Amino acid sequence: MTLSRGRILGLGLALLAAGAVLAFWPQPEPGVTEAITRQVVRMTAAAERKDMAELMEGVSESFRSGEGWDKRQVKGVLLGQVLRGTWVRIFVRDLQITERSPSEGDFQLKIIFGRSEAGELEDLARDSMLSAYSILGTFQKEEDGEWRVVRAKHRSLRPSELL
């Protein structure tokens, strides 16, 4: 069977149309657990890059901490933690998420800040300065469709609690 120029053109257009349908097909929204996990990863990566604007984009304007801090005050605390020193590595451990509703979820995690060139948590202890915290909080899907932290409280972790 030989293909004429018209058939080849028609087949090409059909493939192009099929590709466009697949590319623009609505993607299902991620569930609460997936959305919060993605936001934690995004915020952690921003902190490692010392991109405070992107990091703070994940914090709601209505944010309140267990310590009574608002968004502006928590930014100051994070600036001190992230911008102090040269190398910052941030490791998130034991992330647990509990869905409260389709637009809200609680989280608990351990976060370890290290001033080191280590790429793996196991290598972080050598020639490093460490600080670690347990953080409990709530993410909420806001009116613009973005997930942001609305509440959080932290406590320092002892080295024995990291294992």
Protein backbone atom coordinates (compact mmCIF):
# COMPACT_ATOMS: atom_id res chain seq x y z
CA MET A 1 0.00 0.00 0.00
CA THR A 2 1.45 3.34 -0.99
CA LEU A 3 0.70 6.46 0.88
CA SER A 4 -0.11 9.57 -1.06
CA ARG A 5 1.00 13.01 0.00
CA GLY A 6 -2.56 13.79 1.19
CA ARG A 7 -2.71 10.68 3.37
CA ILE A 8 0.67 11.44 4.94
CA LEU A 9 -0.44 15.01 5.62
CA GLY A 10 -3.73 13.77 7.11
CA LEU A 11 -1.92 11.23 9.30
CA GLY A 12 0.49 13.94 10.47
CA LEU A 13 -2.38 16.28 11.34
CA ALA A 14 -4.17 13.49 13.20
CA LEU A 15 -1.04 12.74 15.25
CA LEU A 16 -0.57 16.44 15.97
CA ALA A 17 -4.20 16.75 17.11
CA ALA A 18 -3.85 13.66 19.32
CA GLY A 19 -0.68 15.10 20.87
CA ALA A 20 -2.41 18.42 21.54
CA VAL A 21 -5.35 16.66 23.21
CA LEU A 22 -2.98 14.73 25.49
CA ALA A 23 -0.90 17.81 26.30
CA PHE A 24 -3.89 19.95 27.23
CA TRP A 25 -6.01 17.23 28.86
CA PRO A 26 -6.82 18.33 32.40
CA GLN A 27 -4.58 16.65 34.94
CA PRO A 28 -6.25 15.42 38.11
CA GLU A 29 -5.45 17.55 41.14
CA PRO A 30 -3.07 15.88 43.53
CA GLY A 31 -4.52 14.69 46.81
CA VAL A 32 -3.81 16.44 50.09
CA THR A 33 -0.84 14.22 50.95
CA GLU A 34 0.77 14.64 47.53
CA ALA A 35 0.16 18.41 47.44
CA ILE A 36 1.68 18.95 50.89
CA THR A 37 4.64 16.67 50.12
CA ARG A 38 5.35 18.63 46.93
CA GLN A 39 5.18 21.91 48.82
CA VAL A 40 7.56 20.67 51.54
CA VAL A 41 10.04 19.56 48.85
CA ARG A 42 9.69 22.89 47.00
CA MET A 43 10.21 24.92 50.18
CA THR A 44 13.20 22.82 51.25
CA ALA A 45 14.85 23.24 47.85
CA ALA A 46 14.24 27.00 47.97
CA ALA A 47 15.83 27.20 51.42
CA GLU A 48 18.92 25.32 50.21
CA ARG A 49 19.20 27.76 47.29
CA LYS A 50 18.71 30.59 49.82
CA ASP A 51 15.74 31.77 47.77
CA MET A 52 13.74 33.39 50.55
CA ALA A 53 11.07 34.73 48.19
CA GLU A 54 10.15 31.23 46.99
CA LEU A 55 10.45 29.79 50.49
CA MET A 56 8.10 32.42 51.93
CA GLU A 57 5.64 31.90 49.07
CA GLY A 58 4.78 28.67 50.87
CA VAL A 59 3.81 30.54 54.05
CA SER A 60 0.32 32.03 54.29
CA GLU A 61 -0.27 35.71 55.01
CA SER A 62 -2.48 34.49 57.88
CA PHE A 63 0.33 32.33 59.32
CA ARG A 64 0.60 32.01 63.10
CA SER A 65 3.19 29.95 64.92
CA GLY A 66 2.87 28.22 68.25
CA GLU A 67 5.33 30.82 69.49
CA GLY A 68 3.03 33.68 68.40
CA TRP A 69 5.04 34.63 65.30
CA ASP A 70 3.37 35.96 62.15
CA LYS A 71 4.71 35.56 58.60
CA ARG A 72 7.09 38.53 58.90
CA GLN A 73 8.57 37.26 62.15
CA VAL A 74 9.00 33.69 60.91
CA LYS A 75 10.79 35.08 57.84
CA GLY A 76 13.32 36.71 60.18
CA VAL A 77 13.87 33.41 61.99
CA LEU A 78 14.28 31.54 58.70
CA LEU A 79 16.65 34.20 57.34
CA GLY A 80 18.87 33.66 60.37
CA GLN A 81 18.82 29.90 59.90
CA VAL A 82 19.27 29.82 56.11
CA LEU A 83 21.55 32.77 55.40
CA ARG A 84 23.98 32.23 58.28
CA GLY A 85 27.19 30.62 57.03
CA THR A 86 28.11 29.47 53.57
CA TRP A 87 26.78 25.98 52.87
CA VAL A 88 23.32 24.92 53.93
CA ARG A 89 21.97 21.42 53.56
CA ILE A 90 18.46 20.68 54.68
CA PHE A 91 17.19 17.17 55.23
CA VAL A 92 13.55 16.35 55.90
CA ARG A 93 12.88 13.14 57.80
CA ASP A 94 9.79 11.31 59.04
CA LEU A 95 7.28 13.42 57.10
CA GLN A 96 3.78 12.42 58.18
CA ILE A 97 0.64 13.99 56.73
CA THR A 98 -2.93 13.66 57.97
CA GLU A 99 -5.75 14.85 55.72
CA ARG A 100 -8.30 16.91 57.64
CA SER A 101 -10.37 17.93 54.61
CA PRO A 102 -9.84 18.20 50.84
CA SER A 103 -8.28 21.62 51.41
CA GLU A 104 -6.41 21.13 54.69
CA GLY A 105 -3.86 18.76 56.13
CA ASP A 106 -1.71 18.49 59.21
CA PHE A 107 1.95 17.60 58.96
CA GLN A 108 4.74 16.50 61.24
CA LEU A 109 8.39 16.27 60.26
CA LYS A 110 11.93 16.45 61.45
CA ILE A 111 14.08 19.00 59.69
CA ILE A 112 17.86 19.02 59.96
CA PHE A 113 19.92 22.07 58.99
CA GLY A 114 23.58 21.46 58.32
CA ARG A 115 26.42 23.76 57.35
CA SER A 116 28.36 21.37 55.18
CA GLU A 117 29.05 20.26 51.64
CA ALA A 118 27.52 16.87 52.43
CA GLY A 119 25.11 15.53 49.88
CA GLU A 120 23.80 12.71 52.07
CA LEU A 121 22.53 12.80 55.63
CA GLU A 122 25.01 10.10 56.65
CA ASP A 123 27.92 12.36 55.64
CA LEU A 124 26.53 15.44 57.36
CA ALA A 125 27.98 14.78 60.83
CA ARG A 126 31.59 15.13 59.69
CA ASP A 127 32.90 18.70 59.75
CA SER A 128 29.40 20.12 60.09
CA MET A 129 27.34 22.31 62.31
CA LEU A 130 23.89 20.85 62.83
CA SER A 131 20.59 22.06 64.19
CA ALA A 132 17.42 20.00 64.07
CA TYR A 133 13.78 20.61 64.83
CA SER A 134 10.51 18.77 65.03
CA ILE A 135 7.79 20.77 63.31
CA LEU A 136 4.03 20.25 63.66
CA GLY A 137 1.73 22.31 61.52
CA THR A 138 -1.08 22.68 59.04
CA PHE A 139 -1.11 23.37 55.33
CA GLN A 140 -4.21 24.83 53.73
CA LYS A 141 -5.20 25.24 50.11
CA GLU A 142 -5.84 28.96 49.75
CA GLU A 143 -8.16 30.84 47.40
CA ASP A 144 -5.51 31.06 44.66
CA GLY A 145 -5.22 27.25 44.67
CA GLU A 146 -1.78 27.21 46.33
CA TRP A 147 -0.99 25.17 49.43
CA ARG A 148 0.57 27.21 52.22
CA VAL A 149 1.51 26.72 55.86
CA VAL A 150 -1.07 28.45 58.07
CA ARG A 151 0.04 27.15 61.48
CA ALA A 152 3.23 25.60 62.80
CA LYS A 153 5.14 25.09 65.99
CA HIS A 154 8.60 23.72 66.50
CA ARG A 155 10.90 22.33 69.12
CA SER A 156 14.62 21.65 69.03
CA LEU A 157 15.68 18.03 68.74
CA ARG A 158 18.43 16.37 70.71
CA PRO A 159 20.96 14.37 68.70
CA SER A 160 19.51 11.10 70.05
CA GLU A 161 16.13 12.00 68.53
CA LEU A 162 17.55 12.12 65.01
CA LEU A 163 18.12 8.40 64.79
